[in-house]
Amino acid sequence: MPSTLVAIVRLTGYILATMYPDDTQKDLATVLSYMAGRTLSKEEIWKAMELPRSTYYDQLEKGTLITADNLRRAAANLGINRAELLTRYRLIDP
């Protein structure tokens, strides 16, 4: 822990939660690519979500792609932190 955080914990007795940015308005491909540490293709994303191509584009068009189940599968298959991803999209509290 950084020394400032250690001092705060010692003084207050509370550990401060890590705050993740609100990515609810950001493109999913951008967020997943950032978290994966590389640029992901649309094909890599729908495969990571375990969705057929047509379902991926249908949900993307309807605005129903960002769900806890879809993000959970994507995180697991891409090796990224599931809790962080769900928190960034405000599907769970930090």
C-alpha atoms as a PDB file:
ATOM      1  CA  MET A   1       0.000   0.000   0.000  1.00  0.00           C
ATOM      2  CA  PRO A   2       1.237   3.513  -0.677  1.00  0.00           C
ATOM      3  CA  SER A   3       2.372   5.273   2.496  1.00  0.00           C
ATOM      4  CA  THR A   4      -0.484   7.828   2.354  1.00  0.00           C
ATOM      5  CA  LEU A   5      -3.060   5.037   2.311  1.00  0.00           C
ATOM      6  CA  VAL A   6      -1.327   3.260   5.201  1.00  0.00           C
ATOM      7  CA  ALA A   7      -1.454   6.495   7.213  1.00  0.00           C
ATOM      8  CA  ILE A   8      -5.173   6.951   6.462  1.00  0.00           C
ATOM      9  CA  VAL A   9      -5.926   3.363   7.472  1.00  0.00           C
ATOM     10  CA  ARG A  10      -3.991   3.765  10.712  1.00  0.00           C
ATOM     11  CA  LEU A  11      -5.720   7.058  11.553  1.00  0.00           C
ATOM     12  CA  THR A  12      -9.267   6.115  10.588  1.00  0.00           C
ATOM     13  CA  GLY A  13      -9.303   2.348  10.769  1.00  0.00           C
ATOM     14  CA  TYR A  14     -10.974   2.227   7.338  1.00  0.00           C
ATOM     15  CA  ILE A  15      -9.594   0.913   4.084  1.00  0.00           C
ATOM     16  CA  LEU A  16     -10.602   3.088   1.164  1.00  0.00           C
ATOM     17  CA  ALA A  17     -12.237   1.245  -1.730  1.00  0.00           C
ATOM     18  CA  THR A  18     -10.635   1.442  -5.144  1.00  0.00           C
ATOM     19  CA  MET A  19     -12.783   3.606  -7.367  1.00  0.00           C
ATOM     20  CA  TYR A  20     -13.102   2.509 -10.960  1.00  0.00           C
ATOM     21  CA  PRO A  21     -14.170   4.940 -13.668  1.00  0.00           C
ATOM     22  CA  ASP A  22     -17.756   4.944 -14.895  1.00  0.00           C
ATOM     23  CA  ASP A  23     -17.484   3.363 -18.338  1.00  0.00           C
ATOM     24  CA  THR A  24     -21.226   2.999 -18.944  1.00  0.00           C
ATOM     25  CA  GLN A  25     -21.086   5.437 -21.867  1.00  0.00           C
ATOM     26  CA  LYS A  26     -17.892   4.014 -23.381  1.00  0.00           C
ATOM     27  CA  ASP A  27     -17.638   1.552 -26.236  1.00  0.00           C
ATOM     28  CA  LEU A  28     -17.357  -2.004 -24.936  1.00  0.00           C
ATOM     29  CA  ALA A  29     -14.552  -2.867 -27.365  1.00  0.00           C
ATOM     30  CA  THR A  30     -12.518   0.077 -26.060  1.00  0.00           C
ATOM     31  CA  VAL A  31     -12.959  -0.927 -22.404  1.00  0.00           C
ATOM     32  CA  LEU A  32     -12.260  -4.620 -23.021  1.00  0.00           C
ATOM     33  CA  SER A  33      -9.198  -3.772 -25.134  1.00  0.00           C
ATOM     34  CA  TYR A  34      -7.872  -1.476 -22.408  1.00  0.00           C
ATOM     35  CA  MET A  35      -8.381  -4.083 -19.721  1.00  0.00           C
ATOM     36  CA  ALA A  36      -6.913  -6.876 -21.862  1.00  0.00           C
ATOM     37  CA  GLY A  37      -3.884  -4.742 -22.691  1.00  0.00           C
ATOM     38  CA  ARG A  38      -4.296  -5.111 -26.437  1.00  0.00           C
ATOM     39  CA  THR A  39      -6.677  -4.170 -29.223  1.00  0.00           C
ATOM     40  CA  LEU A  40      -9.462  -6.722 -29.564  1.00  0.00           C
ATOM     41  CA  SER A  41     -11.376  -7.356 -32.767  1.00  0.00           C
ATOM     42  CA  LYS A  42     -15.166  -7.564 -32.786  1.00  0.00           C
ATOM     43  CA  GLU A  43     -14.799 -11.284 -33.516  1.00  0.00           C
ATOM     44  CA  GLU A  44     -12.641 -11.788 -30.422  1.00  0.00           C
ATOM     45  CA  ILE A  45     -15.280  -9.985 -28.363  1.00  0.00           C
ATOM     46  CA  TRP A  46     -18.311 -11.981 -29.529  1.00  0.00           C
ATOM     47  CA  LYS A  47     -16.338 -15.204 -29.124  1.00  0.00           C
ATOM     48  CA  ALA A  48     -15.245 -14.147 -25.624  1.00  0.00           C
ATOM     49  CA  MET A  49     -18.904 -13.471 -24.802  1.00  0.00           C
ATOM     50  CA  GLU A  50     -19.758 -16.888 -26.249  1.00  0.00           C
ATOM     51  CA  LEU A  51     -22.317 -15.310 -28.574  1.00  0.00           C
ATOM     52  CA  PRO A  52     -23.034 -16.062 -32.212  1.00  0.00           C
ATOM     53  CA  ARG A  53     -22.036 -13.188 -34.504  1.00  0.00           C
ATOM     54  CA  SER A  54     -25.665 -12.389 -35.363  1.00  0.00           C
ATOM     55  CA  THR A  55     -26.710 -12.281 -31.697  1.00  0.00           C
ATOM     56  CA  TYR A  56     -23.765 -10.025 -30.863  1.00  0.00           C
ATOM     57  CA  TYR A  57     -24.718  -7.503 -33.548  1.00  0.00           C
ATOM     58  CA  ASP A  58     -28.433  -7.777 -32.725  1.00  0.00           C
ATOM     59  CA  GLN A  59     -27.795  -7.018 -29.043  1.00  0.00           C
ATOM     60  CA  LEU A  60     -25.330  -4.268 -29.933  1.00  0.00           C
ATOM     61  CA  GLU A  61     -27.933  -2.613 -32.184  1.00  0.00           C
ATOM     62  CA  LYS A  62     -30.697  -2.935 -29.569  1.00  0.00           C
ATOM     63  CA  GLY A  63     -28.476  -1.673 -26.747  1.00  0.00           C
ATOM     64  CA  THR A  64     -28.818  -4.908 -24.785  1.00  0.00           C
ATOM     65  CA  LEU A  65     -25.241  -6.194 -25.106  1.00  0.00           C
ATOM     66  CA  ILE A  66     -24.002  -4.893 -21.753  1.00  0.00           C
ATOM     67  CA  THR A  67     -25.356  -7.457 -19.288  1.00  0.00           C
ATOM     68  CA  ALA A  68     -23.761  -9.072 -16.259  1.00  0.00           C
ATOM     69  CA  ASP A  69     -23.772 -12.483 -17.966  1.00  0.00           C
ATOM     70  CA  ASN A  70     -22.171 -11.212 -21.182  1.00  0.00           C
ATOM     71  CA  LEU A  71     -19.503  -9.248 -19.307  1.00  0.00           C
ATOM     72  CA  ARG A  72     -18.817 -12.124 -16.910  1.00  0.00           C
ATOM     73  CA  ARG A  73     -18.182 -14.515 -19.815  1.00  0.00           C
ATOM     74  CA  ALA A  74     -16.031 -11.959 -21.642  1.00  0.00           C
ATOM     75  CA  ALA A  75     -13.912 -11.334 -18.544  1.00  0.00           C
ATOM     76  CA  ALA A  76     -13.412 -15.045 -17.904  1.00  0.00           C
ATOM     77  CA  ASN A  77     -12.447 -15.791 -21.511  1.00  0.00           C
ATOM     78  CA  LEU A  78     -10.165 -12.763 -21.851  1.00  0.00           C
ATOM     79  CA  GLY A  79      -8.448 -13.249 -18.506  1.00  0.00           C
ATOM     80  CA  ILE A  80      -9.480  -9.871 -17.133  1.00  0.00           C
ATOM     81  CA  ASN A  81     -10.814  -8.963 -13.696  1.00  0.00           C
ATOM     82  CA  ARG A  82     -14.542  -9.745 -13.680  1.00  0.00           C
ATOM     83  CA  ALA A  83     -15.357  -7.579 -10.657  1.00  0.00           C
ATOM     84  CA  GLU A  84     -13.541  -4.581 -12.129  1.00  0.00           C
ATOM     85  CA  LEU A  85     -15.354  -4.929 -15.455  1.00  0.00           C
ATOM     86  CA  LEU A  86     -18.770  -5.245 -13.808  1.00  0.00           C
ATOM     87  CA  THR A  87     -17.966  -2.282 -11.564  1.00  0.00           C
ATOM     88  CA  ARG A  88     -16.851  -0.124 -14.501  1.00  0.00           C
ATOM     89  CA  TYR A  89     -20.261  -0.721 -16.108  1.00  0.00           C
ATOM     90  CA  ARG A  90     -21.997  -0.125 -12.740  1.00  0.00           C
ATOM     91  CA  LEU A  91     -23.561  -3.578 -12.681  1.00  0.00           C
ATOM     92  CA  ILE A  92     -22.119  -4.102  -9.194  1.00  0.00           C
ATOM     93  CA  ASP A  93     -21.047  -1.641  -6.509  1.00  0.00           C
ATOM     94  CA  PRO A  94     -17.335  -1.077  -5.857  1.00  0.00           C
END
